């Protein structure tokens, strides 16, 4: 086929194709933003619970921090359950 055999593209079809490409780009970019935010928050929570911010040479401080943070999470979950049962 030569270039003279091609049928002209309708202007509405061109707009439709452009719109579909724009939607695909927006979808890909939004997944990247949401995904990276979720991964960053999960890594931050994991590092916090593992006491990554404490001195690695002091094992007692690391384990004390881990135990304290774990108990804090348990307390928060228990408080939410208590309040839900009491007021809902």
N, C-alpha and C. Protein backbone atom coordinates (compact mmCIF):
# COMPACT_ATOMS: atom_id res chain seq x y z
N UNK A 1 0.84 -1.18 0.00
CA UNK A 1 0.00 0.00 0.00
C UNK A 1 0.88 1.24 0.00
N UNK A 2 0.52 2.17 -0.76
CA UNK A 2 1.25 3.42 -0.77
C UNK A 2 0.53 4.43 0.12
N UNK A 3 1.17 5.55 0.36
CA UNK A 3 0.57 6.55 1.23
C UNK A 3 -0.69 7.14 0.62
N UNK A 4 -0.86 7.06 -0.71
CA UNK A 4 -2.06 7.59 -1.35
C UNK A 4 -3.25 6.65 -1.17
N UNK A 5 -3.00 5.35 -0.80
CA UNK A 5 -4.08 4.39 -0.60
C UNK A 5 -4.72 4.53 0.78
N UNK A 6 -4.08 5.21 1.70
CA UNK A 6 -4.63 5.35 3.05
C UNK A 6 -5.83 6.28 3.04
N UNK A 7 -6.81 5.93 3.85
CA UNK A 7 -7.97 6.80 3.98
C UNK A 7 -7.67 7.89 4.99
N UNK A 8 -8.21 9.08 4.80
CA UNK A 8 -7.96 10.15 5.77
C UNK A 8 -8.62 9.82 7.11
N UNK A 9 -7.94 10.21 8.19
CA UNK A 9 -8.44 9.95 9.54
C UNK A 9 -9.45 11.04 9.90
N UNK A 10 -10.57 10.60 10.39
CA UNK A 10 -11.63 11.53 10.78
C UNK A 10 -11.15 12.36 11.99
N UNK A 11 -11.43 13.66 12.03
CA UNK A 11 -10.97 14.51 13.14
C UNK A 11 -11.47 14.03 14.51
N UNK A 12 -12.69 13.54 14.57
CA UNK A 12 -13.22 13.04 15.85
C UNK A 12 -12.46 11.80 16.31
N UNK A 13 -12.06 10.97 15.37
CA UNK A 13 -11.28 9.77 15.72
C UNK A 13 -9.92 10.16 16.28
N UNK A 14 -9.32 11.20 15.70
CA UNK A 14 -8.04 11.70 16.21
C UNK A 14 -8.19 12.21 17.63
N UNK A 15 -9.25 12.95 17.91
CA UNK A 15 -9.51 13.46 19.27
C UNK A 15 -9.74 12.30 20.23
N UNK A 16 -10.47 11.29 19.76
CA UNK A 16 -10.75 10.12 20.61
C UNK A 16 -9.45 9.41 20.97
N UNK A 17 -8.58 9.21 20.01
CA UNK A 17 -7.29 8.55 20.25
C UNK A 17 -6.43 9.37 21.21
N UNK A 18 -6.40 10.68 21.04
CA UNK A 18 -5.64 11.55 21.94
C UNK A 18 -6.17 11.46 23.37
N UNK A 19 -7.50 11.44 23.49
CA UNK A 19 -8.12 11.35 24.82
C UNK A 19 -7.78 10.01 25.49
N UNK A 20 -7.83 8.93 24.72
CA UNK A 20 -7.49 7.62 25.27
C UNK A 20 -6.03 7.55 25.72
N UNK A 21 -5.14 8.14 24.94
CA UNK A 21 -3.73 8.17 25.32
C UNK A 21 -3.53 9.00 26.60
N UNK A 22 -4.23 10.12 26.71
CA UNK A 22 -4.13 10.96 27.91
C UNK A 22 -4.64 10.21 29.14
N UNK A 23 -5.74 9.49 29.00
CA UNK A 23 -6.27 8.71 30.11
C UNK A 23 -5.29 7.60 30.53
N UNK A 24 -4.68 6.96 29.56
CA UNK A 24 -3.69 5.93 29.88
C UNK A 24 -2.50 6.51 30.65
N UNK A 25 -2.03 7.68 30.25
CA UNK A 25 -0.92 8.34 30.94
C UNK A 25 -1.31 8.69 32.37
N UNK A 26 -2.51 9.25 32.56
CA UNK A 26 -2.97 9.63 33.90
C UNK A 26 -3.08 8.41 34.79
N UNK A 27 -3.61 7.33 34.26
CA UNK A 27 -3.75 6.09 35.04
C UNK A 27 -2.38 5.55 35.46
N UNK A 28 -1.44 5.54 34.55
CA UNK A 28 -0.09 5.04 34.86
C UNK A 28 0.59 5.91 35.90
N UNK A 29 0.47 7.23 35.78
CA UNK A 29 1.11 8.13 36.74
C UNK A 29 0.46 8.05 38.10
N UNK A 30 -0.85 7.92 38.18
CA UNK A 30 -1.53 7.86 39.47
C UNK A 30 -1.18 6.56 40.19
N UNK A 31 -1.05 5.46 39.47
CA UNK A 31 -0.64 4.21 40.11
C UNK A 31 0.76 4.33 40.68
N UNK A 32 1.63 5.01 39.99
CA UNK A 32 2.99 5.19 40.47
C UNK A 32 3.02 6.00 41.74
N UNK A 33 2.27 7.08 41.79
CA UNK A 33 2.24 7.94 42.97
C UNK A 33 1.66 7.20 44.16
N UNK A 34 0.50 6.57 43.98
CA UNK A 34 -0.14 5.85 45.07
C UNK A 34 0.72 4.68 45.52
N UNK A 35 1.26 3.94 44.57
CA UNK A 35 2.10 2.78 44.92
C UNK A 35 3.34 3.19 45.68
N UNK A 36 4.01 4.23 45.23
CA UNK A 36 5.23 4.64 45.91
C UNK A 36 4.93 5.21 47.29
N UNK A 37 3.82 5.89 47.45
CA UNK A 37 3.45 6.41 48.76
C UNK A 37 3.17 5.27 49.73
N UNK A 38 2.43 4.27 49.27
CA UNK A 38 2.13 3.12 50.12
C UNK A 38 3.39 2.38 50.51
N UNK A 39 4.28 2.15 49.57
CA UNK A 39 5.53 1.45 49.86
C UNK A 39 6.38 2.25 50.84
N UNK A 40 6.45 3.55 50.65
CA UNK A 40 7.24 4.40 51.54
C UNK A 40 6.67 4.37 52.97
N UNK A 41 5.34 4.43 53.09
CA UNK A 41 4.72 4.38 54.42
C UNK A 41 4.94 3.02 55.09
N UNK A 42 4.86 1.94 54.32
CA UNK A 42 5.08 0.61 54.87
C UNK A 42 6.53 0.44 55.33
N UNK A 43 7.48 0.92 54.54
CA UNK A 43 8.89 0.85 54.94
C UNK A 43 9.15 1.67 56.20
N UNK A 44 8.53 2.83 56.27
CA UNK A 44 8.71 3.69 57.44
C UNK A 44 8.16 3.02 58.70
N UNK A 45 6.97 2.40 58.59
CA UNK A 45 6.38 1.70 59.74
C UNK A 45 7.24 0.50 60.14
N UNK A 46 7.74 -0.23 59.15
CA UNK A 46 8.59 -1.39 59.46
C UNK A 46 9.86 -0.96 60.18
N UNK A 47 10.50 0.09 59.68
CA UNK A 47 11.72 0.59 60.33
C UNK A 47 11.43 1.12 61.73
N UNK A 48 10.28 1.75 61.91
CA UNK A 48 9.92 2.27 63.23
C UNK A 48 9.73 1.13 64.22
N UNK A 49 8.99 0.10 63.81
CA UNK A 49 8.73 -1.01 64.72
C UNK A 49 9.99 -1.84 64.98
N UNK A 50 10.93 -1.84 64.06
CA UNK A 50 12.16 -2.61 64.24
C UNK A 50 13.23 -1.82 64.98
N UNK A 51 12.92 -0.61 65.39
CA UNK A 51 13.85 0.27 66.11
C UNK A 51 15.11 0.54 65.31
N UNK A 52 14.93 0.80 64.02
CA UNK A 52 16.07 1.07 63.14
C UNK A 52 16.73 2.40 63.47
N UNK A 53 16.03 3.26 64.21
CA UNK A 53 16.57 4.57 64.54
C UNK A 53 17.43 4.56 65.81
N UNK A 54 17.57 3.42 66.44
CA UNK A 54 18.35 3.31 67.68
C UNK A 54 19.77 2.82 67.39
N UNK A 55 20.65 3.00 68.36
CA UNK A 55 22.05 2.60 68.24
C UNK A 55 22.14 1.08 68.11
N UNK A 56 22.77 0.60 67.05
CA UNK A 56 22.86 -0.84 66.79
C UNK A 56 23.73 -1.57 67.80
N UNK A 57 24.63 -0.87 68.48
CA UNK A 57 25.52 -1.51 69.45
C UNK A 57 24.83 -1.80 70.78
N UNK A 58 23.73 -1.14 71.07
CA UNK A 58 23.04 -1.30 72.35
C UNK A 58 21.82 -2.20 72.17
N UNK A 59 22.02 -3.51 72.35
CA UNK A 59 20.96 -4.49 72.14
C UNK A 59 19.79 -4.30 73.11
N UNK A 60 20.08 -3.88 74.34
CA UNK A 60 19.03 -3.69 75.33
C UNK A 60 18.10 -2.55 74.90
N UNK A 61 18.69 -1.47 74.42
CA UNK A 61 17.88 -0.34 73.96
C UNK A 61 17.02 -0.74 72.76
N UNK A 62 17.58 -1.51 71.85
CA UNK A 62 16.82 -1.94 70.67
C UNK A 62 15.63 -2.81 71.09
N UNK A 63 15.89 -3.82 71.93
CA UNK A 63 14.80 -4.70 72.35
C UNK A 63 13.78 -3.98 73.23
N UNK A 64 14.24 -3.09 74.07
CA UNK A 64 13.31 -2.31 74.88
C UNK A 64 12.42 -1.44 74.01
N UNK A 65 12.99 -0.84 72.99
CA UNK A 65 12.21 -0.01 72.08
C UNK A 65 11.21 -0.86 71.30
N UNK A 66 11.64 -2.01 70.83
CA UNK A 66 10.73 -2.90 70.09
C UNK A 66 9.57 -3.35 70.97
N UNK A 67 9.87 -3.74 72.20
CA UNK A 67 8.81 -4.19 73.11
C UNK A 67 7.85 -3.05 73.42
N UNK A 68 8.40 -1.88 73.71
CA UNK A 68 7.55 -0.72 74.01
C UNK A 68 6.66 -0.33 72.85
N UNK A 69 7.21 -0.32 71.65
CA UNK A 69 6.41 0.05 70.48
C UNK A 69 5.37 -1.02 70.17
N UNK A 70 5.72 -2.29 70.37
CA UNK A 70 4.75 -3.37 70.17
C UNK A 70 3.60 -3.29 71.16
N UNK A 71 3.92 -3.00 72.43
CA UNK A 71 2.88 -2.84 73.43
C UNK A 71 2.01 -1.63 73.13
N UNK A 72 2.61 -0.59 72.61
CA UNK A 72 1.84 0.59 72.23
C UNK A 72 0.82 0.28 71.13
N UNK A 73 1.23 -0.52 70.15
CA UNK A 73 0.31 -0.92 69.08
C UNK A 73 -0.82 -1.78 69.66
N UNK A 74 -0.47 -2.72 70.53
CA UNK A 74 -1.49 -3.56 71.16
C UNK A 74 -2.47 -2.72 71.97
N UNK A 75 -1.97 -1.74 72.71
CA UNK A 75 -2.83 -0.86 73.49
C UNK A 75 -3.76 -0.06 72.58
N UNK A 76 -3.23 0.47 71.49
CA UNK A 76 -4.05 1.26 70.57
C UNK A 76 -5.15 0.41 69.95
N UNK A 77 -4.83 -0.81 69.54
CA UNK A 77 -5.83 -1.71 68.97
C UNK A 77 -6.89 -2.05 70.02
N UNK A 78 -6.45 -2.36 71.24
CA UNK A 78 -7.39 -2.65 72.32
C UNK A 78 -8.29 -1.46 72.63
N UNK A 79 -7.74 -0.27 72.61
CA UNK A 79 -8.54 0.93 72.88
C UNK A 79 -9.59 1.14 71.79
N UNK A 80 -9.21 0.93 70.54
CA UNK A 80 -10.17 1.07 69.44
C UNK A 80 -11.31 0.05 69.58
N UNK A 81 -10.95 -1.19 69.91
CA UNK A 81 -11.97 -2.24 70.11
C UNK A 81 -12.88 -1.88 71.26
N UNK A 82 -12.32 -1.45 72.38
CA UNK A 82 -13.11 -1.06 73.55
C UNK A 82 -14.08 0.07 73.22
N UNK A 83 -13.57 1.10 72.55
CA UNK A 83 -14.43 2.24 72.21
C UNK A 83 -15.51 1.85 71.21
N UNK A 84 -15.18 0.97 70.27
CA UNK A 84 -16.17 0.51 69.30
C UNK A 84 -17.27 -0.28 69.99
N UNK A 85 -16.91 -1.16 70.91
CA UNK A 85 -17.91 -1.97 71.62
C UNK A 85 -18.75 -1.08 72.53
N UNK A 86 -18.12 -0.13 73.18
CA UNK A 86 -18.83 0.71 74.13
C UNK A 86 -19.79 1.68 73.45
N UNK A 87 -19.36 2.30 72.36
CA UNK A 87 -20.14 3.38 71.79
C UNK A 87 -20.82 3.08 70.47
N UNK A 88 -20.63 1.90 69.93
CA UNK A 88 -21.30 1.58 68.67
C UNK A 88 -22.31 0.48 68.82
